[in-house]
PDB file of N, CA and C in Angstrom:
ATOM      1  N   UNK A   1      92.851  95.561 107.376  1.00  0.00           N
ATOM      2  CA  UNK A   1      93.907  96.053 108.233  1.00  0.00           C
ATOM      3  C   UNK A   1      93.382  96.032 109.659  1.00  0.00           C
ATOM      4  N   UNK A   2      94.188  95.521 110.531  1.00  0.00           N
ATOM      5  CA  UNK A   2      93.746  95.450 111.913  1.00  0.00           C
ATOM      6  C   UNK A   2      93.758  96.839 112.553  1.00  0.00           C
ATOM      7  N   UNK A   3      92.967  96.963 113.566  1.00  0.00           N
ATOM      8  CA  UNK A   3      92.878  98.232 114.281  1.00  0.00           C
ATOM      9  C   UNK A   3      94.223  98.588 114.914  1.00  0.00           C
ATOM     10  N   UNK A   4      94.933  97.577 115.368  1.00  0.00           N
ATOM     11  CA  UNK A   4      96.242  97.808 115.984  1.00  0.00           C
ATOM     12  C   UNK A   4      97.221  98.392 114.976  1.00  0.00           C
ATOM     13  N   UNK A   5      97.230  97.829 113.764  1.00  0.00           N
ATOM     14  CA  UNK A   5      98.119  98.344 112.721  1.00  0.00           C
ATOM     15  C   UNK A   5      97.763  99.776 112.350  1.00  0.00           C
ATOM     16  N   UNK A   6      96.472 100.050 112.255  1.00  0.00           N
ATOM     17  CA  UNK A   6      96.038 101.414 111.933  1.00  0.00           C
ATOM     18  C   UNK A   6      96.521 102.386 113.002  1.00  0.00           C
ATOM     19  N   UNK A   7      96.371 102.000 114.261  1.00  0.00           N
ATOM     20  CA  UNK A   7      96.768 102.872 115.363  1.00  0.00           C
ATOM     21  C   UNK A   7      98.279 103.102 115.360  1.00  0.00           C
ATOM     22  N   UNK A   8      99.044 102.043 115.124  1.00  0.00           N
ATOM     23  CA  UNK A   8     100.504 102.185 115.086  1.00  0.00           C
ATOM     24  C   UNK A   8     100.932 103.106 113.950  1.00  0.00           C
ATOM     25  N   UNK A   9     100.321 102.927 112.767  1.00  0.00           N
ATOM     26  CA  UNK A   9     100.668 103.765 111.620  1.00  0.00           C
ATOM     27  C   UNK A   9     100.295 105.221 111.878  1.00  0.00           C
ATOM     28  N   UNK A  10      99.128 105.443 112.475  1.00  0.00           N
ATOM     29  CA  UNK A  10      98.693 106.807 112.773  1.00  0.00           C
ATOM     30  C   UNK A  10      99.629 107.450 113.798  1.00  0.00           C
ATOM     31  N   UNK A  11     100.007 106.682 114.815  1.00  0.00           N
ATOM     32  CA  UNK A  11     100.922 107.212 115.839  1.00  0.00           C
ATOM     33  C   UNK A  11     102.268 107.573 115.227  1.00  0.00           C
ATOM     34  N   UNK A  12     102.756 106.723 114.329  1.00  0.00           N
ATOM     35  CA  UNK A  12     104.032 107.007 113.676  1.00  0.00           C
ATOM     36  C   UNK A  12     103.932 108.262 112.811  1.00  0.00           C
ATOM     37  N   UNK A  13     102.804 108.428 112.145  1.00  0.00           N
ATOM     38  CA  UNK A  13     102.620 109.606 111.296  1.00  0.00           C
ATOM     39  C   UNK A  13     102.569 110.878 112.146  1.00  0.00           C
ATOM     40  N   UNK A  14     101.821 110.839 113.242  1.00  0.00           N
ATOM     41  CA  UNK A  14     101.710 112.001 114.129  1.00  0.00           C
ATOM     42  C   UNK A  14     103.064 112.339 114.741  1.00  0.00           C
ATOM     43  N   UNK A  15     103.810 111.326 115.155  1.00  0.00           N
ATOM     44  CA  UNK A  15     105.145 111.563 115.713  1.00  0.00           C
ATOM     45  C   UNK A  15     106.058 112.181 114.659  1.00  0.00           C
ATOM     46  N   UNK A  16     105.942 111.717 113.431  1.00  0.00           N
ATOM     47  CA  UNK A  16     106.737 112.283 112.341  1.00  0.00           C
ATOM     48  C   UNK A  16     106.395 113.738 112.078  1.00  0.00           C
ATOM     49  N   UNK A  17     105.104 114.051 112.147  1.00  0.00           N
ATOM     50  CA  UNK A  17     104.681 115.438 111.952  1.00  0.00           C
ATOM     51  C   UNK A  17     105.232 116.336 113.057  1.00  0.00           C
ATOM     52  N   UNK A  18     105.177 115.833 114.281  1.00  0.00           N
ATOM     53  CA  UNK A  18     105.703 116.615 115.401  1.00  0.00           C
ATOM     54  C   UNK A  18     107.212 116.829 115.256  1.00  0.00           C
ATOM     55  N   UNK A  19     107.908 115.765 114.876  1.00  0.00           N
ATOM     56  CA  UNK A  19     109.358 115.850 114.708  1.00  0.00           C
ATOM     57  C   UNK A  19     109.707 116.833 113.588  1.00  0.00           C
ATOM     58  N   UNK A  20     108.936 116.794 112.505  1.00  0.00           N
ATOM     59  CA  UNK A  20     109.184 117.717 111.395  1.00  0.00           C
ATOM     60  C   UNK A  20     108.968 119.171 111.839  1.00  0.00           C
ATOM     61  N   UNK A  21     107.881 119.416 112.563  1.00  0.00           N
ATOM     62  CA  UNK A  21     107.591 120.781 113.020  1.00  0.00           C
ATOM     63  C   UNK A  21     108.648 121.270 114.005  1.00  0.00           C
ATOM     64  N   UNK A  22     109.089 120.378 114.885  1.00  0.00           N
ATOM     65  CA  UNK A  22     110.138 120.745 115.840  1.00  0.00           C
ATOM     66  C   UNK A  22     111.422 121.096 115.094  1.00  0.00           C
ATOM     67  N   UNK A  23     111.783 120.269 114.120  1.00  0.00           N
ATOM     68  CA  UNK A  23     112.990 120.526 113.339  1.00  0.00           C
ATOM     69  C   UNK A  23     112.907 121.826 112.575  1.00  0.00           C
ATOM     70  N   UNK A  24     111.738 122.112 112.026  1.00  0.00           N
ATOM     71  CA  UNK A  24     111.537 123.362 111.289  1.00  0.00           C
ATOM     72  C   UNK A  24     111.648 124.557 112.234  1.00  0.00           C
ATOM     73  N   UNK A  25     111.016 124.447 113.397  1.00  0.00           N
ATOM     74  CA  UNK A  25     111.013 125.557 114.354  1.00  0.00           C
ATOM     75  C   UNK A  25     112.402 125.853 114.908  1.00  0.00           C
ATOM     76  N   UNK A  26     113.205 124.805 115.080  1.00  0.00           N
ATOM     77  CA  UNK A  26     114.534 124.997 115.664  1.00  0.00           C
ATOM     78  C   UNK A  26     115.627 125.158 114.612  1.00  0.00           C
ATOM     79  N   UNK A  27     115.270 124.972 113.362  1.00  0.00           N
ATOM     80  CA  UNK A  27     116.267 125.078 112.302  1.00  0.00           C
ATOM     81  C   UNK A  27     117.118 123.825 112.158  1.00  0.00           C
ATOM     82  N   UNK A  28     116.660 122.728 112.738  1.00  0.00           N
ATOM     83  CA  UNK A  28     117.388 121.458 112.690  1.00  0.00           C
ATOM     84  C   UNK A  28     116.903 120.663 111.460  1.00  0.00           C
ATOM     85  N   UNK A  29     117.654 120.782 110.366  1.00  0.00           N
ATOM     86  CA  UNK A  29     117.247 120.131 109.122  1.00  0.00           C
ATOM     87  C   UNK A  29     117.216 118.613 109.244  1.00  0.00           C
ATOM     88  N   UNK A  30     118.139 118.055 110.013  1.00  0.00           N
ATOM     89  CA  UNK A  30     118.183 116.603 110.178  1.00  0.00           C
ATOM     90  C   UNK A  30     116.904 116.102 110.853  1.00  0.00           C
ATOM     91  N   UNK A  31     116.486 116.759 111.909  1.00  0.00           N
ATOM     92  CA  UNK A  31     115.270 116.365 112.633  1.00  0.00           C
ATOM     93  C   UNK A  31     114.042 116.555 111.730  1.00  0.00           C
ATOM     94  N   UNK A  32     114.013 117.635 110.979  1.00  0.00           N
ATOM     95  CA  UNK A  32     112.909 117.892 110.048  1.00  0.00           C
ATOM     96  C   UNK A  32     112.810 116.773 109.020  1.00  0.00           C
ATOM     97  N   UNK A  33     113.948 116.395 108.470  1.00  0.00           N
ATOM     98  CA  UNK A  33     113.969 115.344 107.458  1.00  0.00           C
ATOM     99  C   UNK A  33     113.604 113.980 108.040  1.00  0.00           C
ATOM    100  N   UNK A  34     114.026 113.728 109.287  1.00  0.00           N
ATOM    101  CA  UNK A  34     113.638 112.477 109.953  1.00  0.00           C
ATOM    102  C   UNK A  34     112.118 112.415 110.113  1.00  0.00           C
ATOM    103  N   UNK A  35     111.516 113.526 110.457  1.00  0.00           N
ATOM    104  CA  UNK A  35     110.063 113.595 110.606  1.00  0.00           C
ATOM    105  C   UNK A  35     109.358 113.302 109.294  1.00  0.00           C
ATOM    106  N   UNK A  36     109.859 113.864 108.223  1.00  0.00           N
ATOM    107  CA  UNK A  36     109.271 113.601 106.905  1.00  0.00           C
ATOM    108  C   UNK A  36     109.411 112.130 106.535  1.00  0.00           C
ATOM    109  N   UNK A  37     110.574 111.554 106.844  1.00  0.00           N
ATOM    110  CA  UNK A  37     110.814 110.138 106.546  1.00  0.00           C
ATOM    111  C   UNK A  37     109.860 109.263 107.348  1.00  0.00           C
ATOM    112  N   UNK A  38     109.650 109.584 108.603  1.00  0.00           N
ATOM    113  CA  UNK A  38     108.723 108.819 109.437  1.00  0.00           C
ATOM    114  C   UNK A  38     107.306 108.851 108.852  1.00  0.00           C
ATOM    115  N   UNK A  39     106.908 109.999 108.355  1.00  0.00           N
ATOM    116  CA  UNK A  39     105.576 110.130 107.766  1.00  0.00           C
ATOM    117  C   UNK A  39     105.451 109.282 106.499  1.00  0.00           C
ATOM    118  N   UNK A  40     106.485 109.289 105.689  1.00  0.00           N
ATOM    119  CA  UNK A  40     106.470 108.506 104.451  1.00  0.00           C
ATOM    120  C   UNK A  40     106.416 107.014 104.773  1.00  0.00           C
ATOM    121  N   UNK A  41     107.196 106.583 105.769  1.00  0.00           N
ATOM    122  CA  UNK A  41     107.173 105.181 106.182  1.00  0.00           C
ATOM    123  C   UNK A  41     105.764 104.774 106.601  1.00  0.00           C
ATOM    124  N   UNK A  42     105.119 105.628 107.355  1.00  0.00           N
ATOM    125  CA  UNK A  42     103.768 105.350 107.820  1.00  0.00           C
ATOM    126  C   UNK A  42     102.802 105.218 106.646  1.00  0.00           C
ATOM    127  N   UNK A  43     102.923 106.113 105.681  1.00  0.00           N
ATOM    128  CA  UNK A  43     102.059 106.064 104.502  1.00  0.00           C
ATOM    129  C   UNK A  43     102.283 104.786 103.697  1.00  0.00           C
ATOM    130  N   UNK A  44     103.527 104.375 103.567  1.00  0.00           N
ATOM    131  CA  UNK A  44     103.852 103.155 102.818  1.00  0.00           C
ATOM    132  C   UNK A  44     103.291 101.926 103.535  1.00  0.00           C
ATOM    133  N   UNK A  45     103.445 101.889 104.848  1.00  0.00           N
ATOM    134  CA  UNK A  45     102.895 100.773 105.620  1.00  0.00           C
ATOM    135  C   UNK A  45     101.372 100.716 105.477  1.00  0.00           C
ATOM    136  N   UNK A  46     100.745 101.872 105.528  1.00  0.00           N
ATOM    137  CA  UNK A  46      99.293 101.954 105.367  1.00  0.00           C
ATOM    138  C   UNK A  46      98.869 101.405 104.005  1.00  0.00           C
ATOM    139  N   UNK A  47      99.581 101.804 102.972  1.00  0.00           N
ATOM    140  CA  UNK A  47      99.267 101.334 101.620  1.00  0.00           C
ATOM    141  C   UNK A  47      99.452  99.822 101.514  1.00  0.00           C
ATOM    142  N   UNK A  48     100.503  99.303 102.109  1.00  0.00           N
ATOM    143  CA  UNK A  48     100.753  97.864 102.092  1.00  0.00           C
ATOM    144  C   UNK A  48      99.643  97.094 102.783  1.00  0.00           C
ATOM    145  N   UNK A  49      99.163  97.618 103.897  1.00  0.00           N
ATOM    146  CA  UNK A  49      98.067  96.967 104.613  1.00  0.00           C
ATOM    147  C   UNK A  49      96.790  96.979 103.774  1.00  0.00           C
ATOM    148  N   UNK A  50      96.555  98.057 103.062  1.00  0.00           N
ATOM    149  CA  UNK A  50      95.362  98.142 102.212  1.00  0.00           C
ATOM    150  C   UNK A  50      95.436  97.137 101.067  1.00  0.00           C
ATOM    151  N   UNK A  51      96.612  96.940 100.521  1.00  0.00           N
ATOM    152  CA  UNK A  51      96.793  95.952  99.446  1.00  0.00           C
ATOM    153  C   UNK A  51      96.523  94.556  99.991  1.00  0.00           C
ATOM    154  N   UNK A  52      97.061  94.268 101.169  1.00  0.00           N
ATOM    155  CA  UNK A  52      96.823  92.954 101.786  1.00  0.00           C
ATOM    156  C   UNK A  52      95.327  92.732 102.027  1.00  0.00           C
ATOM    157  N   UNK A  53      94.644  93.774 102.494  1.00  0.00           N
ATOM    158  CA  UNK A  53      93.197  93.674 102.728  1.00  0.00           C
ATOM    159  C   UNK A  53      92.446  93.412 101.433  1.00  0.00           C
ATOM    160  N   UNK A  54      92.878  94.034 100.356  1.00  0.00           N
ATOM    161  CA  UNK A  54      92.200  93.851  99.072  1.00  0.00           C
ATOM    162  C   UNK A  54      92.281  92.404  98.607  1.00  0.00           C
ATOM    163  N   UNK A  55      93.403  91.738  98.871  1.00  0.00           N
ATOM    164  CA  UNK A  55      93.562  90.355  98.451  1.00  0.00           C
ATOM    165  C   UNK A  55      92.860  89.377  99.383  1.00  0.00           C
ATOM    166  N   UNK A  56      92.583  89.787 100.598  1.00  0.00           N
ATOM    167  CA  UNK A  56      91.885  88.917 101.548  1.00  0.00           C
ATOM    168  C   UNK A  56      90.390  88.841 101.242  1.00  0.00           C
ATOM    169  N   UNK A  57      89.853  89.890 100.640  1.00  0.00           N
ATOM    170  CA  UNK A  57      88.401  89.941 100.423  1.00  0.00           C
ATOM    171  C   UNK A  57      88.076  89.462  99.071  1.00  0.00           C
TER     172      UNK A  57
END
């Protein structure tokens, strides 16, 4: 996995965590759920990159 991909995935995960916490703090369920979805997307992308790396080596 390239360093750029790792950084993008990490940034997306951190942004999702912030969005989830903001939604929780303000009582905005939609924003909270969007944050959780962003985190899941980041995790899935990370897993996909790891699978690609496994086949390259």
